[in-house]
């Protein structure tokens, strides 16, 4: 009686709680995600740093004062004061700003993969929980069906139609089923709490689960794959090309100065320019070579990365197809059990043609196949969202 009341309360709780979809979970998680906020702040930090590095140099103020003691005439104070500034020539400052901007964009593209991984992780949690719900409902149906049989056999024992040993075996099986029911209920609760915690939603809500992805051997979305890796590569390569152009000339800047000198018998105004002699240093040439070598290294590393990604993609696709075949095989076996073997063994057992051991072994084998079926579904979705993260493509 107490267990019947428990089921009724659980049913009422499910009806009273609002259902939320996968889309609602993703929207809430991304709006409140600390990860997204951290990436945004890091981007702003890099932009501020690049602006600081590309800002013009401040004016320099300098001055001197001295005591003049001439052989003839009065003593006097002499002083000078001036300002100077380093001025970048041509569009070098713009080139450096463009280089830093491209690098910042490349880093942002790479960080977007982290967000994509987080979202696919949420999708996986959602699907894992929905399968946990299916497992719970399946075990509950099995328990309720077996409970009816047990109650019927209790009456049969009262009329001495079955032995005490048979009734005890049925009772042991009933208790094991109930223990299994409590375990899957606990797992369902934990997976729901974990999902709601990540999505920042209230914990009295249930998952819709009508929007889970179908199990499909051709699960790979069409279109361009590895978009973030390709975009980051293009941005970094473009920044290095601009860096090569940036150091194509050895004359980068000049220093301009203006000075006023107050001497004993005159005032002097002067303008000055300081031009670095590029031929006395190999700095620009070495910087240019550095960019060329970095560009070549980046290209080779990118080619290696793409080959590795394609190999991993082929492996994941093959594993997914094998998993789908296994799931379909288990589905057909379970269907055969449901439509033929279980009704047959029920009829045979109730007619006294089969022993309680035969009946229990058939039921246990059926539940074992169910567990394998659901476990492989979980494994499929885990690999599916690994695949979506790997190809760096939002499937929806």
Foldseek 3Di string as FASTA:
>chain_A
DVVVVVVVVVVVLQVPFAADELVLLLVLLCVPPPLNVVLVVVLVVLLVVLCVVLDFDDKDKDKDKDWDDDPDDDIDIKMKIKIKGKFWDDCLSVLSSLLSVLLSVLVSLVSVLVVLLVSLVLLLLLLLLLLLVVLLVVLVVVLVVLVVVLVVVVVCVVVPVDDPVLSVVSVVVSVVSVVVNVVSVVVSLVSLVVSCVSSVHDSSHHHPSPPRDDQDLPLDADDAFPVSLVSSLVSNLVSLVSQLVSLPDQWTIKMKMWMWIGDDPDIDTDIDIGTDDSVVDCVSVVSNVVSVVVNVVSVVVSVVVVVVLVVVLVVLSVVSNVLSVVLVVLVVVLVCCVPPVLVVVVVCVVVVNDGSVVNVVSVVVSSVSVVVNSVSVSVNSVSSSVSCSSRVDDND
